[in-house]
Amino acid sequence: MCIRDRQITKAIDLLESYIETIASSVERGDQGFVSSFTDVLNFMNNHALRLLNEDDCAGCLAVLRKCNDLTLPEKYGVFPSIRVMIFNHLGCCKRRQGQLKLGLKYLLTALSIHVLCVDT
């Protein structure tokens, strides 16, 4: 593991700690939490894309996997638009790695979540 990987892991851990601290002090669905949580997840996804643009697929995947874990509905609530973004970015990362079938699977997952959100 290189220094950059350790820095990414440490940053992800700090963000997760921040989220857990806030979530434990408010009621589920609190608008302030939802707003902060969404901002943090958008930041993490944007960072993942920067890593992907730098050809750091391992770092990108680490960030996106944590985003995916954080947005599981049982954890902090339902955030479908964030999950669509995560799966879209996972698909792009896998395509960049040459794993086209897996990339397509992630993109189809993003599409199915989007369709469910639009239909409800």
N, C-alpha and C. Protein backbone atom coordinates (compact mmCIF):
# COMPACT_ATOMS: atom_id res chain seq x y z
N MET A 1 0.85 -1.18 0.00
CA MET A 1 0.00 0.00 0.00
C MET A 1 0.89 1.23 0.00
N CYS A 2 0.69 2.11 -0.95
CA CYS A 2 1.51 3.31 -1.03
C CYS A 2 0.97 4.41 -0.11
N ILE A 3 1.74 5.45 0.03
CA ILE A 3 1.35 6.56 0.92
C ILE A 3 0.01 7.15 0.48
N ARG A 4 -0.16 7.33 -0.83
CA ARG A 4 -1.41 7.90 -1.34
C ARG A 4 -2.60 7.03 -0.95
N ASP A 5 -2.45 5.71 -1.06
CA ASP A 5 -3.54 4.80 -0.68
C ASP A 5 -3.87 4.92 0.80
N ARG A 6 -2.85 5.05 1.63
CA ARG A 6 -3.09 5.22 3.08
C ARG A 6 -3.78 6.55 3.35
N GLN A 7 -3.42 7.59 2.62
CA GLN A 7 -4.07 8.89 2.79
C GLN A 7 -5.54 8.82 2.39
N ILE A 8 -5.82 8.13 1.30
CA ILE A 8 -7.21 7.98 0.86
C ILE A 8 -8.00 7.20 1.91
N THR A 9 -7.42 6.11 2.40
CA THR A 9 -8.09 5.30 3.42
C THR A 9 -8.34 6.12 4.68
N LYS A 10 -7.35 6.90 5.11
CA LYS A 10 -7.49 7.72 6.30
C LYS A 10 -8.58 8.77 6.11
N ALA A 11 -8.60 9.41 4.94
CA ALA A 11 -9.61 10.43 4.66
C ALA A 11 -11.01 9.81 4.66
N ILE A 12 -11.14 8.64 4.06
CA ILE A 12 -12.44 7.95 4.03
C ILE A 12 -12.88 7.63 5.45
N ASP A 13 -11.96 7.13 6.26
CA ASP A 13 -12.29 6.80 7.65
C ASP A 13 -12.73 8.03 8.43
N LEU A 14 -12.06 9.16 8.21
CA LEU A 14 -12.43 10.41 8.89
C LEU A 14 -13.82 10.87 8.46
N LEU A 15 -14.11 10.80 7.16
CA LEU A 15 -15.43 11.19 6.69
C LEU A 15 -16.52 10.28 7.26
N GLU A 16 -16.23 9.00 7.32
CA GLU A 16 -17.21 8.07 7.88
C GLU A 16 -17.44 8.36 9.36
N SER A 17 -16.38 8.67 10.08
CA SER A 17 -16.50 9.01 11.49
C SER A 17 -17.34 10.28 11.67
N TYR A 18 -17.11 11.26 10.81
CA TYR A 18 -17.88 12.51 10.82
C TYR A 18 -19.36 12.21 10.61
N ILE A 19 -19.66 11.39 9.62
CA ILE A 19 -21.05 11.04 9.32
C ILE A 19 -21.69 10.32 10.49
N GLU A 20 -20.98 9.34 11.05
CA GLU A 20 -21.54 8.58 12.17
C GLU A 20 -21.79 9.46 13.39
N THR A 21 -20.89 10.41 13.65
CA THR A 21 -21.05 11.32 14.78
C THR A 21 -22.31 12.16 14.62
N ILE A 22 -22.49 12.71 13.44
CA ILE A 22 -23.67 13.54 13.20
C ILE A 22 -24.94 12.69 13.24
N ALA A 23 -24.90 11.53 12.59
CA ALA A 23 -26.09 10.67 12.52
C ALA A 23 -26.54 10.22 13.91
N SER A 24 -25.60 10.00 14.81
CA SER A 24 -25.96 9.54 16.15
C SER A 24 -26.58 10.64 17.01
N SER A 25 -26.42 11.89 16.58
CA SER A 25 -26.93 13.00 17.39
C SER A 25 -28.24 13.58 16.86
N VAL A 26 -28.76 13.04 15.77
CA VAL A 26 -30.01 13.56 15.20
C VAL A 26 -30.96 12.41 14.90
N GLU A 27 -32.22 12.76 14.67
CA GLU A 27 -33.20 11.76 14.30
C GLU A 27 -33.02 11.39 12.84
N ARG A 28 -33.36 10.15 12.52
CA ARG A 28 -33.28 9.69 11.13
C ARG A 28 -34.17 10.58 10.25
N GLY A 29 -33.64 11.02 9.12
CA GLY A 29 -34.40 11.88 8.22
C GLY A 29 -34.25 13.37 8.52
N ASP A 30 -33.48 13.72 9.54
CA ASP A 30 -33.25 15.12 9.87
C ASP A 30 -32.70 15.85 8.64
N GLN A 31 -33.34 16.96 8.27
CA GLN A 31 -32.97 17.67 7.04
C GLN A 31 -31.53 18.17 7.05
N GLY A 32 -31.05 18.62 8.20
CA GLY A 32 -29.66 19.06 8.30
C GLY A 32 -28.70 17.92 8.02
N PHE A 33 -29.01 16.75 8.59
CA PHE A 33 -28.18 15.58 8.35
C PHE A 33 -28.23 15.17 6.88
N VAL A 34 -29.45 15.12 6.33
CA VAL A 34 -29.62 14.72 4.93
C VAL A 34 -28.79 15.64 4.03
N SER A 35 -28.85 16.93 4.28
CA SER A 35 -28.11 17.89 3.48
C SER A 35 -26.60 17.69 3.61
N SER A 36 -26.12 17.55 4.85
CA SER A 36 -24.69 17.34 5.08
C SER A 36 -24.22 16.02 4.49
N PHE A 37 -25.01 14.98 4.68
CA PHE A 37 -24.68 13.65 4.17
C PHE A 37 -24.58 13.70 2.64
N THR A 38 -25.54 14.34 2.02
CA THR A 38 -25.53 14.45 0.56
C THR A 38 -24.31 15.23 0.08
N ASP A 39 -23.98 16.30 0.78
CA ASP A 39 -22.78 17.09 0.42
C ASP A 39 -21.51 16.25 0.52
N VAL A 40 -21.38 15.48 1.61
CA VAL A 40 -20.20 14.64 1.80
C VAL A 40 -20.12 13.58 0.70
N LEU A 41 -21.25 12.95 0.39
CA LEU A 41 -21.25 11.91 -0.64
C LEU A 41 -20.96 12.49 -2.02
N ASN A 42 -21.46 13.68 -2.30
CA ASN A 42 -21.13 14.34 -3.57
C ASN A 42 -19.64 14.66 -3.64
N PHE A 43 -19.09 15.14 -2.54
CA PHE A 43 -17.65 15.42 -2.47
C PHE A 43 -16.85 14.14 -2.72
N MET A 44 -17.25 13.05 -2.05
CA MET A 44 -16.53 11.79 -2.21
C MET A 44 -16.61 11.28 -3.66
N ASN A 45 -17.77 11.40 -4.27
CA ASN A 45 -17.92 10.97 -5.66
C ASN A 45 -17.08 11.83 -6.61
N ASN A 46 -17.06 13.12 -6.37
CA ASN A 46 -16.23 14.00 -7.20
C ASN A 46 -14.75 13.67 -7.05
N HIS A 47 -14.36 13.35 -5.82
CA HIS A 47 -12.97 12.95 -5.58
C HIS A 47 -12.66 11.64 -6.30
N ALA A 48 -13.61 10.71 -6.26
CA ALA A 48 -13.41 9.44 -6.95
C ALA A 48 -13.20 9.67 -8.45
N LEU A 49 -13.95 10.59 -9.03
CA LEU A 49 -13.77 10.90 -10.45
C LEU A 49 -12.41 11.53 -10.73
N ARG A 50 -11.94 12.38 -9.82
CA ARG A 50 -10.60 12.95 -9.99
C ARG A 50 -9.55 11.84 -9.99
N LEU A 51 -9.72 10.88 -9.07
CA LEU A 51 -8.78 9.76 -9.02
C LEU A 51 -8.84 8.94 -10.31
N LEU A 52 -10.04 8.73 -10.81
CA LEU A 52 -10.20 7.99 -12.06
C LEU A 52 -9.52 8.73 -13.22
N ASN A 53 -9.68 10.05 -13.25
CA ASN A 53 -9.04 10.85 -14.30
C ASN A 53 -7.51 10.81 -14.21
N GLU A 54 -7.00 10.52 -13.00
CA GLU A 54 -5.55 10.38 -12.79
C GLU A 54 -5.11 8.93 -12.97
N ASP A 55 -6.01 8.08 -13.47
CA ASP A 55 -5.76 6.64 -13.66
C ASP A 55 -5.47 5.91 -12.36
N ASP A 56 -6.00 6.40 -11.26
CA ASP A 56 -5.88 5.72 -9.97
C ASP A 56 -7.17 4.95 -9.72
N CYS A 57 -7.33 3.84 -10.43
CA CYS A 57 -8.56 3.06 -10.31
C CYS A 57 -8.72 2.45 -8.92
N ALA A 58 -7.62 2.05 -8.29
CA ALA A 58 -7.70 1.46 -6.95
C ALA A 58 -8.24 2.48 -5.96
N GLY A 59 -7.73 3.70 -6.01
CA GLY A 59 -8.22 4.75 -5.12
C GLY A 59 -9.66 5.09 -5.41
N CYS A 60 -9.98 5.19 -6.68
CA CYS A 60 -11.36 5.48 -7.10
C CYS A 60 -12.31 4.42 -6.55
N LEU A 61 -11.94 3.16 -6.73
CA LEU A 61 -12.81 2.07 -6.25
C LEU A 61 -12.95 2.09 -4.74
N ALA A 62 -11.88 2.41 -4.02
CA ALA A 62 -11.96 2.46 -2.56
C ALA A 62 -12.98 3.51 -2.12
N VAL A 63 -12.93 4.67 -2.73
CA VAL A 63 -13.86 5.74 -2.38
C VAL A 63 -15.29 5.34 -2.75
N LEU A 64 -15.47 4.81 -3.95
CA LEU A 64 -16.82 4.45 -4.39
C LEU A 64 -17.41 3.30 -3.58
N ARG A 65 -16.59 2.36 -3.19
CA ARG A 65 -17.10 1.25 -2.35
C ARG A 65 -17.57 1.78 -1.00
N LYS A 66 -16.83 2.72 -0.44
CA LYS A 66 -17.27 3.31 0.83
C LYS A 66 -18.56 4.09 0.63
N CYS A 67 -18.66 4.83 -0.46
CA CYS A 67 -19.90 5.55 -0.77
C CYS A 67 -21.06 4.56 -0.86
N ASN A 68 -20.84 3.46 -1.53
CA ASN A 68 -21.88 2.45 -1.67
C ASN A 68 -22.29 1.92 -0.29
N ASP A 69 -21.32 1.60 0.54
CA ASP A 69 -21.63 1.10 1.90
C ASP A 69 -22.43 2.13 2.70
N LEU A 70 -22.05 3.39 2.59
CA LEU A 70 -22.71 4.44 3.37
C LEU A 70 -24.14 4.69 2.91
N THR A 71 -24.44 4.38 1.66
CA THR A 71 -25.77 4.69 1.13
C THR A 71 -26.70 3.47 1.10
N LEU A 72 -26.29 2.39 1.76
CA LEU A 72 -27.24 1.28 1.90
C LEU A 72 -28.41 1.79 2.72
N PRO A 73 -29.64 1.55 2.27
CA PRO A 73 -30.82 2.16 2.91
C PRO A 73 -30.91 1.93 4.42
N GLU A 74 -30.47 0.78 4.89
CA GLU A 74 -30.59 0.49 6.32
C GLU A 74 -29.62 1.31 7.17
N LYS A 75 -28.63 1.91 6.55
CA LYS A 75 -27.62 2.65 7.30
C LYS A 75 -28.13 4.04 7.71
N TYR A 76 -28.42 4.89 6.74
CA TYR A 76 -28.82 6.27 7.06
C TYR A 76 -30.08 6.73 6.33
N GLY A 77 -30.68 5.85 5.56
CA GLY A 77 -31.88 6.23 4.82
C GLY A 77 -31.72 5.94 3.34
N VAL A 78 -32.68 6.39 2.59
CA VAL A 78 -32.71 6.11 1.15
C VAL A 78 -32.22 7.35 0.38
N PHE A 79 -31.20 7.14 -0.43
CA PHE A 79 -30.59 8.21 -1.23
C PHE A 79 -30.40 7.72 -2.66
N PRO A 80 -31.51 7.55 -3.38
CA PRO A 80 -31.41 6.92 -4.71
C PRO A 80 -30.57 7.71 -5.71
N SER A 81 -30.66 9.03 -5.71
CA SER A 81 -29.89 9.78 -6.71
C SER A 81 -28.38 9.64 -6.46
N ILE A 82 -27.99 9.56 -5.20
CA ILE A 82 -26.58 9.35 -4.88
C ILE A 82 -26.16 7.96 -5.31
N ARG A 83 -27.03 6.96 -5.08
CA ARG A 83 -26.70 5.58 -5.48
C ARG A 83 -26.59 5.47 -7.00
N VAL A 84 -27.43 6.17 -7.73
CA VAL A 84 -27.32 6.17 -9.20
C VAL A 84 -25.94 6.69 -9.60
N MET A 85 -25.53 7.78 -8.99
CA MET A 85 -24.23 8.37 -9.29
C MET A 85 -23.10 7.39 -8.97
N ILE A 86 -23.18 6.74 -7.82
CA ILE A 86 -22.13 5.79 -7.41
C ILE A 86 -22.02 4.65 -8.42
N PHE A 87 -23.15 4.04 -8.76
CA PHE A 87 -23.10 2.91 -9.69
C PHE A 87 -22.65 3.35 -11.08
N ASN A 88 -23.02 4.55 -11.48
CA ASN A 88 -22.54 5.08 -12.76
C ASN A 88 -21.01 5.22 -12.73
N HIS A 89 -20.49 5.76 -11.66
CA HIS A 89 -19.04 5.94 -11.54
C HIS A 89 -18.32 4.59 -11.43
N LEU A 90 -18.93 3.64 -10.72
CA LEU A 90 -18.34 2.29 -10.65
C LEU A 90 -18.26 1.68 -12.05
N GLY A 91 -19.32 1.87 -12.83
CA GLY A 91 -19.33 1.37 -14.20
C GLY A 91 -18.23 1.99 -15.04
N CYS A 92 -18.04 3.28 -14.90
CA CYS A 92 -16.99 3.97 -15.65
C CYS A 92 -15.60 3.47 -15.24
N CYS A 93 -15.42 3.25 -13.94
CA CYS A 93 -14.13 2.77 -13.45
C CYS A 93 -13.84 1.36 -13.99
N LYS A 94 -14.83 0.51 -13.94
CA LYS A 94 -14.63 -0.85 -14.44
C LYS A 94 -14.38 -0.86 -15.94
N ARG A 95 -15.04 0.02 -16.66
CA ARG A 95 -14.78 0.14 -18.10
C ARG A 95 -13.34 0.56 -18.33
N ARG A 96 -12.87 1.52 -17.53
CA ARG A 96 -11.49 1.99 -17.66
C ARG A 96 -10.50 0.86 -17.40
N GLN A 97 -10.88 -0.06 -16.51
CA GLN A 97 -10.01 -1.20 -16.20
C GLN A 97 -10.14 -2.31 -17.24
N GLY A 98 -11.02 -2.14 -18.21
CA GLY A 98 -11.20 -3.15 -19.24
C GLY A 98 -12.18 -4.25 -18.85
N GLN A 99 -12.86 -4.08 -17.73
CA GLN A 99 -13.85 -5.06 -17.26
C GLN A 99 -15.23 -4.62 -17.76
N LEU A 100 -15.43 -4.81 -19.06
CA LEU A 100 -16.61 -4.25 -19.71
C LEU A 100 -17.92 -4.85 -19.22
N LYS A 101 -17.96 -6.16 -19.01
CA LYS A 101 -19.21 -6.78 -18.55
C LYS A 101 -19.58 -6.30 -17.15
N LEU A 102 -18.60 -6.22 -16.27
CA LEU A 102 -18.88 -5.73 -14.92
C LEU A 102 -19.25 -4.25 -14.96
N GLY A 103 -18.57 -3.48 -15.81
CA GLY A 103 -18.92 -2.07 -15.97
C GLY A 103 -20.35 -1.90 -16.44
N LEU A 104 -20.75 -2.71 -17.40
CA LEU A 104 -22.12 -2.66 -17.90
C LEU A 104 -23.12 -3.04 -16.81
N LYS A 105 -22.75 -4.02 -16.00
CA LYS A 105 -23.64 -4.43 -14.89
C LYS A 105 -23.88 -3.26 -13.94
N TYR A 106 -22.83 -2.53 -13.59
CA TYR A 106 -22.98 -1.36 -12.72
C TYR A 106 -23.84 -0.28 -13.38
N LEU A 107 -23.61 -0.05 -14.66
CA LEU A 107 -24.39 0.97 -15.36
C LEU A 107 -25.87 0.59 -15.44
N LEU A 108 -26.14 -0.70 -15.65
CA LEU A 108 -27.54 -1.16 -15.67
C LEU A 108 -28.18 -1.04 -14.30
N THR A 109 -27.41 -1.27 -13.24
CA THR A 109 -27.92 -1.08 -11.88
C THR A 109 -28.27 0.39 -11.67
N ALA A 110 -27.40 1.28 -12.11
CA ALA A 110 -27.69 2.73 -11.99
C ALA A 110 -28.96 3.07 -12.73
N LEU A 111 -29.11 2.53 -13.92
CA LEU A 111 -30.32 2.80 -14.72
C LEU A 111 -31.57 2.26 -14.04
N SER A 112 -31.49 1.07 -13.47
CA SER A 112 -32.68 0.50 -12.81
C SER A 112 -33.09 1.30 -11.58
N ILE A 113 -32.11 1.77 -10.82
CA ILE A 113 -32.43 2.62 -9.65
C ILE A 113 -33.07 3.92 -10.13
N HIS A 114 -32.52 4.50 -11.18
CA HIS A 114 -33.08 5.75 -11.72
C HIS A 114 -34.51 5.56 -12.19
N VAL A 115 -34.75 4.48 -12.91
CA VAL A 115 -36.10 4.21 -13.41
C VAL A 115 -37.08 4.03 -12.27
N LEU A 116 -36.65 3.33 -11.22
CA LEU A 116 -37.52 3.14 -10.05
C LEU A 116 -37.85 4.48 -9.39
N CYS A 117 -36.87 5.38 -9.33
CA CYS A 117 -37.07 6.69 -8.70
C CYS A 117 -38.01 7.55 -9.52
N VAL A 118 -37.87 7.50 -10.82
CA VAL A 118 -38.70 8.32 -11.70
C VAL A 118 -40.14 7.82 -11.67
N ASP A 119 -40.32 6.50 -11.57
CA ASP A 119 -41.66 5.91 -11.61
C ASP A 119 -42.42 6.07 -10.30
N THR A 120 -41.72 6.37 -9.20
CA THR A 120 -42.42 6.46 -7.91
C THR A 120 -42.73 7.88 -7.54
